[in-house]
């Protein structure tokens, strides 16, 4: 995660519809640890589609992996000896209100911390984490960087779905190429922003994202080859270097 954007480092393509199951996610994490043995993971974020008893059990095994998992409002929470759906426990929350449950909480039979927030659209956001974890909802908010990544890969950037690729191997290679393009555009945007800071609008956000700034600049250089653009293009190529 950098500048509000999630960057892929490892991915699998599944030859099926829908989301992954617990076994597939566990194998993915085992592969990650083997390939990046020295990586320090602050915590793992996952949406409601990526939950379940086996998954939580794996994350809590020693050495445990910190997590912030969103559960469904229909999932049941055992709180102070009572087992009820999350939507019942937090039914009193108004828009913008949050609550962290005190006392003993269990989800799928495992002790966890539980915090909920009523979103602007009225939907309930319920996050679980290892006990004694603080700021569950605040930490989980960083998961939005994944949605930003999806937007970049799809409609707001590379239009990945327009390729209509179906072969997993070809898709995986294309995904890797787009990841490199993402890094190039982001580094270019950061470089340009250092020289000419992006305007901040009244709502407090940048007028243009770092990705869009970098992508537009690179696209201009590639589509308009000229002697005057050559120095800028050569400089942008240096941003691809790891040194």
Protein backbone atom coordinates (compact mmCIF):
# COMPACT_ATOMS: atom_id res chain seq x y z
CA UNK A 1 0.00 0.00 0.00
CA UNK A 2 1.41 3.37 -1.02
CA UNK A 3 -0.29 6.74 -1.49
CA UNK A 4 -3.70 5.11 -1.10
CA UNK A 5 -3.10 2.48 -3.79
CA UNK A 6 -2.59 -1.25 -3.22
CA UNK A 7 0.25 -2.79 -5.24
CA UNK A 8 0.06 -6.50 -6.21
CA UNK A 9 3.06 -8.62 -5.24
CA UNK A 10 1.59 -12.13 -5.61
CA UNK A 11 -1.53 -13.38 -7.37
CA UNK A 12 -3.23 -16.57 -8.48
CA UNK A 13 -5.84 -16.93 -11.19
CA UNK A 14 -8.60 -19.38 -10.28
CA UNK A 15 -10.31 -21.36 -13.03
CA UNK A 16 -13.78 -20.87 -11.56
CA UNK A 17 -16.46 -18.31 -10.84
CA UNK A 18 -16.82 -16.59 -7.50
CA UNK A 19 -14.25 -16.01 -4.79
CA UNK A 20 -11.55 -18.20 -3.29
CA UNK A 21 -12.19 -20.70 -0.50
CA UNK A 22 -10.26 -21.00 2.76
CA UNK A 23 -7.90 -23.71 1.48
CA UNK A 24 -6.93 -21.61 -1.54
CA UNK A 25 -6.31 -18.55 0.61
CA UNK A 26 -4.19 -20.56 3.03
CA UNK A 27 -2.05 -21.93 0.18
CA UNK A 28 -1.63 -18.41 -1.17
CA UNK A 29 -0.41 -17.14 2.21
CA UNK A 30 1.98 -20.09 2.54
CA UNK A 31 3.39 -19.26 -0.90
CA UNK A 32 3.74 -15.61 0.09
CA UNK A 33 5.74 -16.50 3.21
CA UNK A 34 8.03 -18.78 1.20
CA UNK A 35 8.74 -16.16 -1.47
CA UNK A 36 9.04 -13.25 0.95
CA UNK A 37 10.44 -14.82 4.13
CA UNK A 38 11.69 -11.51 5.56
CA UNK A 39 8.56 -9.48 4.77
CA UNK A 40 6.94 -7.76 7.74
CA UNK A 41 3.13 -7.84 7.49
CA UNK A 42 1.39 -5.29 9.70
CA UNK A 43 -1.98 -6.93 9.20
CA UNK A 44 -4.13 -8.61 6.57
CA UNK A 45 -7.36 -6.96 5.36
CA UNK A 46 -10.17 -8.87 3.71
CA UNK A 47 -13.76 -8.15 2.72
CA UNK A 48 -16.86 -10.19 3.58
CA UNK A 49 -16.29 -12.69 0.76
CA UNK A 50 -13.03 -13.83 2.35
CA UNK A 51 -14.05 -15.08 5.78
CA UNK A 52 -14.89 -18.36 7.48
CA UNK A 53 -14.02 -20.56 10.43
CA UNK A 54 -11.09 -22.38 8.80
CA UNK A 55 -9.61 -19.09 7.58
CA UNK A 56 -9.78 -17.43 11.02
CA UNK A 57 -8.34 -20.55 12.65
CA UNK A 58 -5.37 -20.45 10.28
CA UNK A 59 -4.72 -16.76 10.93
CA UNK A 60 -4.76 -17.32 14.69
CA UNK A 61 -2.32 -20.25 14.57
CA UNK A 62 1.18 -19.61 15.88
CA UNK A 63 2.93 -17.73 14.48
CA UNK A 64 -0.31 -15.78 14.16
CA UNK A 65 -0.93 -13.21 11.45
CA UNK A 66 -2.71 -10.02 12.49
CA UNK A 67 -5.90 -9.40 10.54
CA UNK A 68 -8.81 -7.02 10.08
CA UNK A 69 -11.65 -9.01 8.52
CA UNK A 70 -15.04 -7.64 7.63
CA UNK A 71 -17.82 -10.08 8.45
CA UNK A 72 -21.39 -10.15 7.19
CA UNK A 73 -24.15 -8.53 9.20
CA UNK A 74 -25.81 -11.96 9.30
CA UNK A 75 -22.76 -13.62 10.89
CA UNK A 76 -23.31 -14.46 14.53
CA UNK A 77 -21.28 -13.04 17.39
CA UNK A 78 -21.17 -14.58 20.84
CA UNK A 79 -21.04 -11.67 23.29
CA UNK A 80 -21.27 -12.12 27.05
CA UNK A 81 -22.80 -15.56 26.61
CA UNK A 82 -25.41 -14.54 24.02
CA UNK A 83 -25.20 -15.60 20.35
CA UNK A 84 -26.81 -13.09 17.96
CA UNK A 85 -26.35 -11.82 14.40
CA UNK A 86 -24.16 -8.75 14.10
CA UNK A 87 -27.05 -6.70 12.69
CA UNK A 88 -29.05 -7.33 15.89
CA UNK A 89 -26.20 -6.45 18.24
CA UNK A 90 -25.49 -3.19 16.42
CA UNK A 91 -29.06 -2.33 15.36
CA UNK A 92 -28.98 0.83 17.50
CA UNK A 93 -26.10 2.45 15.61
CA UNK A 94 -26.98 5.56 13.60
CA UNK A 95 -25.12 6.73 10.48
CA UNK A 96 -21.58 7.69 11.44
CA UNK A 97 -21.76 6.00 14.84
CA UNK A 98 -19.35 3.22 15.80
CA UNK A 99 -19.03 0.83 18.71
CA UNK A 100 -16.46 -1.60 19.96
CA UNK A 101 -17.82 -4.52 21.94
CA UNK A 102 -16.41 -4.95 25.42
CA UNK A 103 -16.16 -8.18 27.34
CA UNK A 104 -15.72 -11.61 25.80
CA UNK A 105 -16.53 -11.94 22.08
CA UNK A 106 -16.31 -14.99 19.85
CA UNK A 107 -16.91 -15.46 16.13
CA UNK A 108 -16.96 -19.01 14.71
CA UNK A 109 -15.79 -20.18 18.12
CA UNK A 110 -12.64 -18.04 18.28
CA UNK A 111 -12.00 -15.10 20.63
CA UNK A 112 -11.77 -11.84 18.67
CA UNK A 113 -12.16 -8.11 19.03
CA UNK A 114 -15.27 -6.70 17.32
CA UNK A 115 -15.99 -3.15 16.16
CA UNK A 116 -18.80 -1.82 13.96
CA UNK A 117 -19.62 1.38 12.07
CA UNK A 118 -22.86 2.49 10.43
CA UNK A 119 -21.91 3.70 6.95
CA UNK A 120 -23.43 6.67 5.13
CA UNK A 121 -25.64 4.39 3.03
CA UNK A 122 -27.01 2.74 6.17
CA UNK A 123 -25.04 -0.46 5.68
CA UNK A 124 -23.28 -1.97 8.66
CA UNK A 125 -19.50 -2.41 8.62
CA UNK A 126 -18.41 -5.04 11.17
CA UNK A 127 -14.71 -5.81 11.59
CA UNK A 128 -13.06 -8.54 13.65
CA UNK A 129 -9.41 -8.78 14.68
CA UNK A 130 -7.24 -10.54 17.25
CA UNK A 131 -8.17 -9.62 20.82
CA UNK A 132 -6.63 -6.44 22.26
CA UNK A 133 -6.39 -4.95 18.76
CA UNK A 134 -7.17 -1.22 18.63
CA UNK A 135 -8.66 0.91 15.83
CA UNK A 136 -10.21 -1.96 13.88
CA UNK A 137 -12.41 0.17 11.62
CA UNK A 138 -9.69 2.77 11.06
CA UNK A 139 -7.20 0.09 10.03
CA UNK A 140 -9.73 -1.65 7.81
CA UNK A 141 -10.34 1.61 5.92
CA UNK A 142 -6.94 1.13 4.26
CA UNK A 143 -8.52 -1.74 2.31
CA UNK A 144 -10.01 0.92 0.06
CA UNK A 145 -6.63 0.95 -1.65
CA UNK A 146 -7.62 -2.38 -3.22
CA UNK A 147 -10.74 -0.80 -4.73
CA UNK A 148 -8.56 2.02 -6.04
CA UNK A 149 -6.30 -0.60 -7.64
CA UNK A 150 -9.30 -2.27 -9.29
CA UNK A 151 -10.38 1.09 -10.71
CA UNK A 152 -6.90 1.69 -12.12
CA UNK A 153 -6.79 -1.74 -13.75
CA UNK A 154 -10.31 -1.36 -15.12
CA UNK A 155 -12.29 1.73 -16.11
CA UNK A 156 -10.09 4.54 -14.73
CA UNK A 157 -6.84 3.35 -16.25
CA UNK A 158 -5.84 0.25 -18.17
CA UNK A 159 -9.27 -1.17 -19.19
CA UNK A 160 -8.17 -4.72 -18.38
CA UNK A 161 -11.62 -6.19 -19.02
CA UNK A 162 -11.58 -4.89 -22.61
CA UNK A 163 -8.96 -7.49 -23.52
CA UNK A 164 -11.50 -10.33 -23.14
CA UNK A 165 -8.63 -12.68 -22.27
CA UNK A 166 -9.74 -16.02 -20.82
CA UNK A 167 -6.54 -18.07 -20.78
CA UNK A 168 -5.21 -18.02 -17.18
CA UNK A 169 -1.53 -17.99 -18.17
CA UNK A 170 -1.95 -15.09 -20.58
CA UNK A 171 -4.03 -13.20 -18.03
CA UNK A 172 -1.40 -13.71 -15.35
CA UNK A 173 1.33 -12.34 -17.61
CA UNK A 174 -0.84 -9.37 -18.55
CA UNK A 175 -1.54 -8.75 -14.87
CA UNK A 176 2.19 -8.65 -14.21
CA UNK A 177 2.74 -6.23 -17.09
CA UNK A 178 -0.01 -3.93 -15.80
CA UNK A 179 1.52 -4.05 -12.33
CA UNK A 180 4.80 -2.78 -13.77
CA UNK A 181 2.89 -0.08 -15.67
CA UNK A 182 1.15 0.91 -12.43
CA UNK A 183 4.49 1.28 -10.65
CA UNK A 184 5.88 3.32 -13.54
CA UNK A 185 2.88 5.66 -13.65
CA UNK A 186 2.86 6.12 -9.86
CA UNK A 187 6.59 6.83 -9.65
CA UNK A 188 6.27 9.27 -12.54
CA UNK A 189 3.34 10.98 -10.84
CA UNK A 190 5.28 11.30 -7.59
CA UNK A 191 8.26 12.72 -9.47
CA UNK A 192 6.10 15.31 -11.26
CA UNK A 193 4.28 16.16 -8.03
CA UNK A 194 7.60 16.98 -6.35
CA UNK A 195 8.36 19.56 -9.03
CA UNK A 196 4.85 20.93 -9.48
CA UNK A 197 2.53 20.01 -6.58
CA UNK A 198 -0.98 18.96 -7.58
CA UNK A 199 -3.67 21.50 -6.72
CA UNK A 200 -5.70 20.77 -3.59
CA UNK A 201 -9.44 21.32 -4.06
CA UNK A 202 -11.82 22.79 -1.46
CA UNK A 203 -12.88 19.30 -0.38
CA UNK A 204 -9.28 18.65 0.67
CA UNK A 205 -8.41 16.16 -2.06
CA UNK A 206 -6.03 16.48 -4.96
CA UNK A 207 -7.41 17.72 -8.25
CA UNK A 208 -5.78 14.73 -9.95
CA UNK A 209 -4.44 11.46 -8.57
CA UNK A 210 -0.73 10.68 -8.69
CA UNK A 211 -1.51 7.74 -10.96
CA UNK A 212 -3.49 9.86 -13.41
CA UNK A 213 -0.81 12.56 -13.42
CA UNK A 214 1.89 10.02 -14.21
CA UNK A 215 -0.15 8.05 -16.75
CA UNK A 216 -1.21 11.17 -18.67
CA UNK A 217 2.40 12.36 -18.80
CA UNK A 218 3.73 9.02 -20.04
CA UNK A 219 0.95 8.69 -22.59
CA UNK A 220 1.73 12.16 -23.93
CA UNK A 221 5.40 11.25 -24.35
CA UNK A 222 4.68 7.94 -26.07
CA UNK A 223 2.01 9.29 -28.42
CA UNK A 224 3.97 12.42 -29.30
CA UNK A 225 7.56 11.38 -30.04
CA UNK A 226 9.74 14.40 -30.73
CA UNK A 227 13.16 15.83 -29.97
CA UNK A 228 11.64 18.11 -27.33
CA UNK A 229 9.95 15.17 -25.56
CA UNK A 230 12.97 12.87 -25.67
CA UNK A 231 14.65 14.19 -22.47
CA UNK A 232 11.43 13.71 -20.50
CA UNK A 233 10.98 10.19 -21.83
CA UNK A 234 14.57 9.22 -20.99
CA UNK A 235 14.12 10.64 -17.51
CA UNK A 236 10.90 8.68 -17.02
CA UNK A 237 12.68 5.49 -18.07
CA UNK A 238 15.10 6.01 -15.18
CA UNK A 239 12.12 5.77 -12.83
CA UNK A 240 11.76 2.10 -13.83
CA UNK A 241 15.19 1.34 -12.36
CA UNK A 242 15.41 -0.33 -8.94
CA UNK A 243 18.69 1.46 -8.19
